[in-house]
Amino acid sequence: MPRTLDPAAHAVRRDAFVDAALRLIQEKGYEQLSIQDVLDDVGASRGAFYHYFDSKAELLAAVIDRMVEVGVGNVAPIADDPGLGAVEKLQQVFAGIARWKSRQPEFQPEAVAELVRTWYSDENSVVLQRLRAATAAHLTPVLAKILRQGERDGSFDVDKPEATAGVLTALLLGMQDAAIRLFIGRRDGTVPFETVRLTIASYTEAFERILGLTRLAWPLTDDTALRYWFG
């Protein structure tokens, strides 16, 4: 008789590999991480690993999916808060993602310096695409819900909330790419802090224009946050 798969047990076992990979990436970095390292940490066989993942890159993709799901999941309820206006919701979503990242060990500046060099290396372009796709899939519906509210109450000058939410997500991902490269440049000593400030300000203005907001109505970050990451 064919073996019956227990979905709950399967998910728990798969999560054990993801937990171990995230922990080991924080300790030694992705490039130095081997599948054997993960097997030793979990106490599993190579066959068990390939039952869940086709490769080391796919395991990293699962780590990224976990990070995005948890990060966006922490702010998704904001879109349903009846006590908040649309602009305030949008501000809190972006601020909430930033706050959540700053509290996670893997998102501390030293750990990020190790991770982002891996994510942005040529050999990991597929991983980076997975990160962008996961972020878009989880974040765009949250933004669309807020934009629909803003369209109804006149907070935002948007005609197509769903499409505009996709544009905002794409712009946010572009801003993240720029921020990562600025972050690496600051670590390498090749980018002045003023360049960081002007770049983020330009993205802020772009968001405001798309939403029909007045200039400086929606600051994406403050100087303290910029100094924390780029100082």
Protein backbone atom coordinates (compact mmCIF):
# COMPACT_ATOMS: atom_id res chain seq x y z
CA MET A 1 0.00 0.00 0.00
CA PRO A 2 1.27 3.54 -0.73
CA ARG A 3 2.50 5.46 2.30
CA THR A 4 0.04 8.02 3.65
CA LEU A 5 1.53 11.49 4.11
CA ASP A 6 0.76 13.27 7.35
CA PRO A 7 0.57 16.96 6.25
CA ALA A 8 1.13 18.29 9.77
CA ALA A 9 4.20 16.11 10.38
CA HIS A 10 5.50 16.97 6.91
CA ALA A 11 5.20 20.70 7.64
CA VAL A 12 6.88 20.38 11.04
CA ARG A 13 9.80 18.45 9.59
CA ARG A 14 10.19 20.91 6.73
CA ASP A 15 10.10 23.81 9.17
CA ALA A 16 12.94 22.19 11.12
CA PHE A 17 15.18 22.47 8.04
CA VAL A 18 14.14 26.10 7.51
CA ASP A 19 14.78 26.96 11.17
CA ALA A 20 18.20 25.37 11.05
CA ALA A 21 19.13 27.13 7.80
CA LEU A 22 18.12 30.54 9.15
CA ARG A 23 20.10 29.94 12.33
CA LEU A 24 23.19 28.76 10.45
CA ILE A 25 23.03 31.58 7.89
CA GLN A 26 23.11 34.02 10.78
CA GLU A 27 26.14 32.24 12.23
CA LYS A 28 28.29 31.63 9.18
CA GLY A 29 26.64 33.15 6.09
CA TYR A 30 24.98 31.44 3.14
CA GLU A 31 28.10 30.98 1.03
CA GLN A 32 29.84 29.07 3.82
CA LEU A 33 26.73 27.04 4.62
CA SER A 34 26.59 23.48 3.31
CA ILE A 35 23.70 21.06 3.14
CA GLN A 36 25.68 18.83 5.48
CA ASP A 37 25.74 21.64 8.05
CA VAL A 38 21.95 21.69 7.97
CA LEU A 39 21.71 17.89 8.17
CA ASP A 40 24.00 17.84 11.19
CA ASP A 41 21.97 20.55 12.91
CA VAL A 42 18.64 18.82 12.28
CA GLY A 43 19.95 15.29 12.72
CA ALA A 44 18.61 14.15 9.37
CA SER A 45 19.81 12.19 6.37
CA ARG A 46 20.58 13.62 2.96
CA GLY A 47 17.63 11.69 1.57
CA ALA A 48 15.35 13.37 4.09
CA PHE A 49 16.61 16.79 3.01
CA TYR A 50 15.91 16.10 -0.68
CA HIS A 51 12.43 14.94 0.22
CA TYR A 52 11.63 18.58 1.03
CA PHE A 53 14.09 20.63 -1.04
CA ASP A 54 15.70 20.18 -4.43
CA SER A 55 18.78 22.23 -3.57
CA LYS A 56 20.48 24.58 -1.15
CA ALA A 57 19.09 27.52 -3.13
CA GLU A 58 15.55 26.22 -2.69
CA LEU A 59 16.15 25.96 1.05
CA LEU A 60 17.22 29.60 1.10
CA ALA A 61 14.09 30.49 -0.83
CA ALA A 62 12.05 28.82 1.92
CA VAL A 63 13.93 30.90 4.50
CA ILE A 64 13.08 34.04 2.54
CA ASP A 65 9.43 33.01 2.24
CA ARG A 66 9.29 32.54 6.01
CA MET A 67 10.81 35.96 6.63
CA VAL A 68 8.41 37.70 4.24
CA GLU A 69 5.34 35.87 5.53
CA VAL A 70 6.14 36.74 9.14
CA GLY A 71 7.15 40.33 8.36
CA VAL A 72 4.06 41.18 6.31
CA GLY A 73 1.85 39.13 8.63
CA ASN A 74 2.80 41.44 11.48
CA VAL A 75 1.41 44.49 9.67
CA ALA A 76 -1.47 43.00 7.65
CA PRO A 77 -4.04 43.56 10.46
CA ILE A 78 -3.43 47.31 10.17
CA ALA A 79 -5.37 47.32 6.89
CA ASP A 80 -8.48 46.12 8.74
CA ASP A 81 -8.29 48.55 11.67
CA PRO A 82 -11.55 50.57 11.56
CA GLY A 83 -10.09 53.31 13.73
CA LEU A 84 -7.39 54.36 11.28
CA GLY A 85 -7.55 56.52 8.17
CA ALA A 86 -6.01 55.34 4.90
CA VAL A 87 -2.92 57.57 5.09
CA GLU A 88 -2.28 56.54 8.69
CA LYS A 89 -2.66 52.89 7.77
CA LEU A 90 -0.14 53.21 4.97
CA GLN A 91 2.30 54.97 7.26
CA GLN A 92 1.89 52.32 9.93
CA VAL A 93 2.35 49.45 7.48
CA PHE A 94 5.67 50.81 6.24
CA ALA A 95 6.81 51.83 9.72
CA GLY A 96 5.72 48.47 11.10
CA ILE A 97 7.77 46.52 8.58
CA ALA A 98 10.81 48.63 9.41
CA ARG A 99 10.28 48.16 13.16
CA TRP A 100 9.84 44.42 12.80
CA LYS A 101 13.06 44.12 10.82
CA SER A 102 15.03 46.16 13.35
CA ARG A 103 13.98 43.75 16.13
CA GLN A 104 15.03 40.55 14.34
CA PRO A 105 18.57 39.16 14.86
CA GLU A 106 18.94 38.42 11.14
CA PHE A 107 18.13 42.06 10.33
CA GLN A 108 20.71 43.68 12.57
CA PRO A 109 23.28 45.66 10.56
CA GLU A 110 26.13 43.17 11.06
CA ALA A 111 23.99 40.18 10.08
CA VAL A 112 22.44 42.04 7.14
CA ALA A 113 25.89 42.93 5.83
CA GLU A 114 26.61 39.22 5.48
CA LEU A 115 23.24 38.26 4.05
CA VAL A 116 22.77 40.99 1.46
CA ARG A 117 26.13 40.36 -0.18
CA THR A 118 24.93 36.83 -0.75
CA TRP A 119 21.48 37.83 -1.98
CA TYR A 120 22.93 40.37 -4.40
CA SER A 121 25.69 38.17 -5.79
CA ASP A 122 25.33 37.07 -9.42
CA GLU A 123 25.05 33.40 -8.50
CA ASN A 124 22.00 34.13 -6.34
CA SER A 125 19.95 36.16 -8.82
CA VAL A 126 17.23 33.50 -8.70
CA VAL A 127 17.07 33.82 -4.91
CA LEU A 128 16.69 37.59 -5.20
CA GLN A 129 13.86 37.16 -7.68
CA ARG A 130 12.18 34.81 -5.21
CA LEU A 131 12.46 37.41 -2.47
CA ARG A 132 10.86 40.06 -4.67
CA ALA A 133 8.07 37.75 -5.80
CA ALA A 134 7.28 36.67 -2.24
CA THR A 135 7.20 40.27 -1.03
CA ALA A 136 4.92 41.32 -3.88
CA ALA A 137 2.55 38.39 -3.36
CA HIS A 138 2.09 39.11 0.33
CA LEU A 139 2.27 42.91 0.43
CA THR A 140 0.30 44.00 -2.65
CA PRO A 141 -3.11 42.79 -1.37
CA VAL A 142 -2.54 44.61 1.93
CA LEU A 143 -1.73 47.85 0.13
CA ALA A 144 -4.67 47.41 -2.25
CA LYS A 145 -7.10 47.19 0.66
CA ILE A 146 -5.74 50.45 2.09
CA LEU A 147 -5.82 52.20 -1.28
CA ARG A 148 -9.45 51.20 -1.81
CA GLN A 149 -10.29 52.89 1.47
CA GLY A 150 -8.28 55.96 0.46
CA GLU A 151 -10.06 56.12 -2.90
CA ARG A 152 -13.46 56.03 -1.17
CA ASP A 153 -12.71 58.71 1.42
CA GLY A 154 -10.62 60.93 -0.87
CA SER A 155 -7.33 60.44 1.00
CA PHE A 156 -5.60 59.25 -2.17
CA ASP A 157 -6.01 60.41 -5.73
CA VAL A 158 -6.02 56.94 -7.33
CA ASP A 159 -8.39 55.52 -9.95
CA LYS A 160 -7.29 51.88 -9.89
CA PRO A 161 -6.35 50.86 -6.33
CA GLU A 162 -5.32 47.29 -7.18
CA ALA A 163 -3.05 48.33 -10.04
CA THR A 164 -1.64 51.23 -8.02
CA ALA A 165 -0.89 48.85 -5.15
CA GLY A 166 1.21 46.79 -7.55
CA VAL A 167 3.05 49.93 -8.65
CA LEU A 168 3.70 50.91 -5.01
CA THR A 169 5.02 47.43 -4.27
CA ALA A 170 7.33 47.58 -7.29
CA LEU A 171 8.55 51.02 -6.21
CA LEU A 172 9.10 49.75 -2.68
CA LEU A 173 11.15 46.83 -4.00
CA GLY A 174 13.16 49.26 -6.11
CA MET A 175 13.76 51.40 -3.05
CA GLN A 176 14.89 48.32 -1.12
CA ASP A 177 17.34 47.45 -3.89
CA ALA A 178 18.70 50.98 -3.80
CA ALA A 179 18.88 50.93 0.01
CA ILE A 180 20.77 47.63 -0.01
CA ARG A 181 23.34 48.97 -2.46
CA LEU A 182 23.67 52.16 -0.42
CA PHE A 183 24.05 50.03 2.72
CA ILE A 184 26.87 48.03 1.13
CA GLY A 185 28.44 51.24 -0.17
CA ARG A 186 28.37 52.77 3.29
CA ARG A 187 29.97 49.63 4.73
CA ASP A 188 32.68 49.84 2.05
CA GLY A 189 33.19 53.57 2.59
CA THR A 190 32.25 54.50 -0.99
CA VAL A 191 28.88 56.25 -0.40
CA PRO A 192 28.45 59.46 1.63
CA PHE A 193 25.55 59.67 4.04
CA GLU A 194 24.06 62.63 2.16
CA THR A 195 23.63 60.39 -0.90
CA VAL A 196 21.57 58.04 1.24
CA ARG A 197 19.42 60.88 2.52
CA LEU A 198 18.77 62.29 -0.97
CA THR A 199 17.97 58.88 -2.46
CA ILE A 200 15.41 58.01 0.20
CA ALA A 201 13.90 61.50 -0.11
CA SER A 202 13.48 60.94 -3.86
CA TYR A 203 11.59 57.71 -3.28
CA THR A 204 9.42 59.46 -0.71
CA GLU A 205 8.48 62.09 -3.27
CA ALA A 206 7.66 59.42 -5.84
CA PHE A 207 5.29 57.67 -3.43
CA GLU A 208 3.59 60.96 -2.62
CA ARG A 209 3.07 61.85 -6.29
CA ILE A 210 1.60 58.44 -7.12
CA LEU A 211 -0.90 58.79 -4.27
CA GLY A 212 -1.68 62.45 -4.94
CA LEU A 213 -0.38 63.57 -1.54
CA THR A 214 1.19 66.92 -0.82
CA ARG A 215 4.96 67.01 -0.61
CA LEU A 216 6.41 65.81 2.71
CA ALA A 217 3.00 64.50 3.76
CA TRP A 218 4.36 60.98 4.13
CA PRO A 219 7.99 60.66 5.27
CA LEU A 220 9.16 57.08 4.71
CA THR A 221 11.75 57.25 7.47
CA ASP A 222 13.43 59.66 9.84
CA ASP A 223 17.02 60.66 10.42
CA THR A 224 17.37 58.36 13.42
CA ALA A 225 16.41 55.30 11.35
CA LEU A 226 18.74 56.36 8.54
CA ARG A 227 21.60 56.78 11.00
CA TYR A 228 20.88 53.36 12.49
CA TRP A 229 21.24 51.61 9.14
CA PHE A 230 23.57 53.90 7.20
CA GLY A 231 25.40 55.97 9.80
